[in-house]
Amino acid sequence: RLCSDNRKSAVLSKEFVEQSGIKFVEKSAGQDTLFGWELIAKANCGGFNGEAHIIYYADRADSITNEVNISYFEKKLILEKEQVKFLKETGVFEVYKDKRFSIFMNDWYLVKLSMVKTEDRARSLEILKEICDLYNFNLNRYIEN
C-alpha cells in the first residue's frame, strides 16, 4: 500500500513493492519517474498533498542526466519503450501524447540535444526520431533542419 503521513512523506511497504512486480527499467535513464507512476497506478490507497518535495541529485558530475551523448539517448529510448507500454496498459497513452509529450520533447530532449557533441548529433537525432515514432509524431515537428 502507498500511504502518505501528515509530514508529507510517502511510505511504501516492502510487500507491496515485491508483490506489484514493479522494477526499475534496467540500462535506462530516467526510470525513477516511470517507477513512481507504476507505484501510483498499482496502489490500492494513497495520500497526496499540495506540496512537492523531492531531492534530486542531477547536479552530480557522474549523473546520467548531465552526461549527454549517444548513450544517454539510447538509455532514454529503452525507457520510452517501457513507458509507452505502461501508458497504453493504463489507458492514458493518448492523454500523455496530447498533453505532455511535446512539452517533454521541447523542454527536455531538445535541450539535451543541444548539449551533444557535433559528432554525436546525427545518431542522437536518429534515436529521437525513434522516440517520436513511439508516440506517432514526426521529429520534424520539433526541429528545424
Protein backbone atom coordinates (compact mmCIF):
# COMPACT_ATOMS: atom_id res chain seq x y z
CA ARG A 1 0.00 0.00 0.00
CA LEU A 2 1.07 3.54 -0.72
CA CYS A 3 0.21 5.83 2.14
CA SER A 4 1.18 9.37 3.00
CA ASP A 5 1.51 10.72 6.51
CA ASN A 6 0.99 14.27 7.69
CA ARG A 7 4.73 15.02 7.42
CA LYS A 8 4.45 14.97 3.63
CA SER A 9 6.38 11.77 3.07
CA ALA A 10 5.43 8.57 1.31
CA VAL A 11 5.61 5.14 2.90
CA LEU A 12 5.78 2.02 0.77
CA SER A 13 5.51 -1.43 2.20
CA LYS A 14 8.19 -3.84 1.06
CA GLU A 15 5.45 -6.42 0.43
CA PHE A 16 3.59 -4.05 -1.89
CA VAL A 17 6.70 -3.35 -3.96
CA GLU A 18 7.60 -7.04 -4.15
CA GLN A 19 4.05 -8.20 -4.98
CA SER A 20 3.45 -5.46 -7.55
CA GLY A 21 6.32 -6.70 -9.70
CA ILE A 22 7.36 -3.12 -10.40
CA LYS A 23 11.05 -2.76 -11.10
CA PHE A 24 13.33 -0.06 -12.39
CA VAL A 25 13.91 -0.38 -16.13
CA GLU A 26 17.42 -1.76 -16.41
CA LYS A 27 20.01 0.05 -18.53
CA SER A 28 17.72 3.05 -18.98
CA ALA A 29 17.83 6.68 -17.93
CA GLY A 30 15.06 8.43 -16.02
CA GLN A 31 13.47 5.27 -14.70
CA ASP A 32 12.58 6.87 -11.36
CA THR A 33 9.63 8.76 -12.86
CA LEU A 34 8.16 5.69 -14.54
CA PHE A 35 8.69 3.68 -11.34
CA GLY A 36 6.69 6.30 -9.42
CA TRP A 37 3.88 6.29 -11.97
CA GLU A 38 3.68 2.50 -11.79
CA LEU A 39 3.52 2.60 -7.99
CA ILE A 40 0.66 5.07 -8.07
CA ALA A 41 -1.19 3.06 -10.72
CA LYS A 42 -0.98 -0.19 -8.74
CA ALA A 43 -1.60 1.22 -5.27
CA ASN A 44 -4.89 0.49 -3.52
CA CYS A 45 -4.62 3.59 -1.38
CA GLY A 46 -2.54 6.70 -1.24
CA GLY A 47 -2.37 10.18 0.09
CA PHE A 48 -1.27 13.37 -1.58
CA ASN A 49 -0.85 16.94 -0.53
CA GLY A 50 -0.50 20.21 -2.40
CA GLU A 51 3.26 20.45 -1.93
CA ALA A 52 6.01 18.81 -3.91
CA HIS A 53 9.10 17.61 -2.09
CA ILE A 54 11.93 15.90 -3.89
CA ILE A 55 15.65 15.62 -3.51
CA TYR A 56 17.13 15.26 -6.96
CA TYR A 57 20.84 14.77 -7.43
CA ALA A 58 21.20 15.57 -11.13
CA ASP A 59 23.95 18.02 -10.29
CA ARG A 60 26.35 15.17 -9.57
CA ALA A 61 29.19 15.09 -12.08
CA ASP A 62 28.51 11.40 -12.76
CA SER A 63 24.74 11.76 -13.20
CA ILE A 64 23.39 10.33 -16.48
CA THR A 65 21.31 13.47 -16.87
CA ASN A 66 24.48 15.55 -17.08
CA GLU A 67 26.47 13.32 -19.41
CA VAL A 68 24.69 13.89 -22.70
CA ASN A 69 25.89 11.75 -25.56
CA ILE A 70 24.60 8.93 -27.75
CA SER A 71 24.49 6.58 -24.76
CA TYR A 72 22.16 8.97 -22.93
CA PHE A 73 19.66 8.93 -25.80
CA GLU A 74 19.96 5.15 -26.17
CA LYS A 75 19.11 4.76 -22.48
CA LYS A 76 16.15 7.12 -22.85
CA LEU A 77 14.86 5.06 -25.80
CA ILE A 78 14.90 1.94 -23.61
CA LEU A 79 12.84 3.80 -21.02
CA GLU A 80 10.43 5.31 -23.54
CA LYS A 81 9.57 1.86 -24.93
CA GLU A 82 8.62 0.69 -21.45
CA GLN A 83 6.81 3.93 -20.70
CA VAL A 84 4.66 3.58 -23.82
CA LYS A 85 3.69 0.04 -22.73
CA PHE A 86 2.72 1.37 -19.31
CA LEU A 87 0.76 4.31 -20.72
CA LYS A 88 -1.19 2.02 -23.05
CA GLU A 89 -1.85 -0.59 -20.34
CA THR A 90 -3.25 2.07 -18.02
CA GLY A 91 -5.30 3.78 -20.73
CA VAL A 92 -3.54 7.14 -20.55
CA PHE A 93 -1.36 6.95 -23.67
CA GLU A 94 -3.47 9.41 -25.67
CA VAL A 95 -3.67 11.87 -22.78
CA TYR A 96 0.10 11.77 -22.29
CA LYS A 97 0.68 12.04 -26.01
CA ASP A 98 -1.67 15.01 -26.37
CA LYS A 99 -0.82 16.89 -23.16
CA ARG A 100 2.74 16.05 -22.08
CA PHE A 101 4.93 14.55 -24.81
CA SER A 102 5.55 17.76 -26.74
CA ILE A 103 6.38 19.63 -23.55
CA PHE A 104 8.88 16.95 -22.58
CA MET A 105 10.35 16.86 -26.08
CA ASN A 106 10.81 20.63 -26.21
CA ASP A 107 11.84 21.28 -22.61
CA TRP A 108 13.98 18.19 -22.03
CA TYR A 109 15.08 16.25 -25.11
CA LEU A 110 15.81 19.22 -27.34
CA VAL A 111 17.71 20.93 -24.52
CA LYS A 112 19.76 17.74 -24.10
CA LEU A 113 20.27 17.53 -27.86
CA SER A 114 21.80 20.99 -27.82
CA MET A 115 24.41 19.64 -25.39
CA VAL A 116 25.72 16.77 -27.54
CA LYS A 117 28.98 16.96 -29.41
CA THR A 118 28.69 17.64 -33.13
CA GLU A 119 29.84 14.11 -33.96
CA ASP A 120 27.03 12.65 -31.79
CA ARG A 121 24.23 14.80 -33.20
CA ALA A 122 23.19 12.65 -36.20
CA ARG A 123 22.85 9.44 -34.17
CA SER A 124 21.13 11.31 -31.33
CA LEU A 125 18.60 12.65 -33.84
CA GLU A 126 18.00 9.11 -35.14
CA ILE A 127 17.21 7.99 -31.62
CA LEU A 128 14.91 10.96 -31.04
CA LYS A 129 13.13 10.02 -34.25
CA GLU A 130 12.57 6.53 -32.82
CA ILE A 131 11.19 8.06 -29.63
CA CYS A 132 8.84 10.29 -31.64
CA ASP A 133 7.74 7.25 -33.66
CA LEU A 134 6.66 5.53 -30.43
CA TYR A 135 4.16 8.35 -29.93
CA ASN A 136 3.23 8.62 -33.63
CA PHE A 137 4.87 12.02 -34.02
CA ASN A 138 7.29 13.17 -36.70
CA LEU A 139 10.56 14.51 -35.31
CA ASN A 140 10.48 17.34 -37.88
CA ARG A 141 7.58 18.75 -35.88
CA TYR A 142 10.12 19.67 -33.20
CA ILE A 143 13.31 20.56 -35.02
CA GLU A 144 14.39 22.75 -37.86
CA ASN A 145 16.69 21.19 -40.42
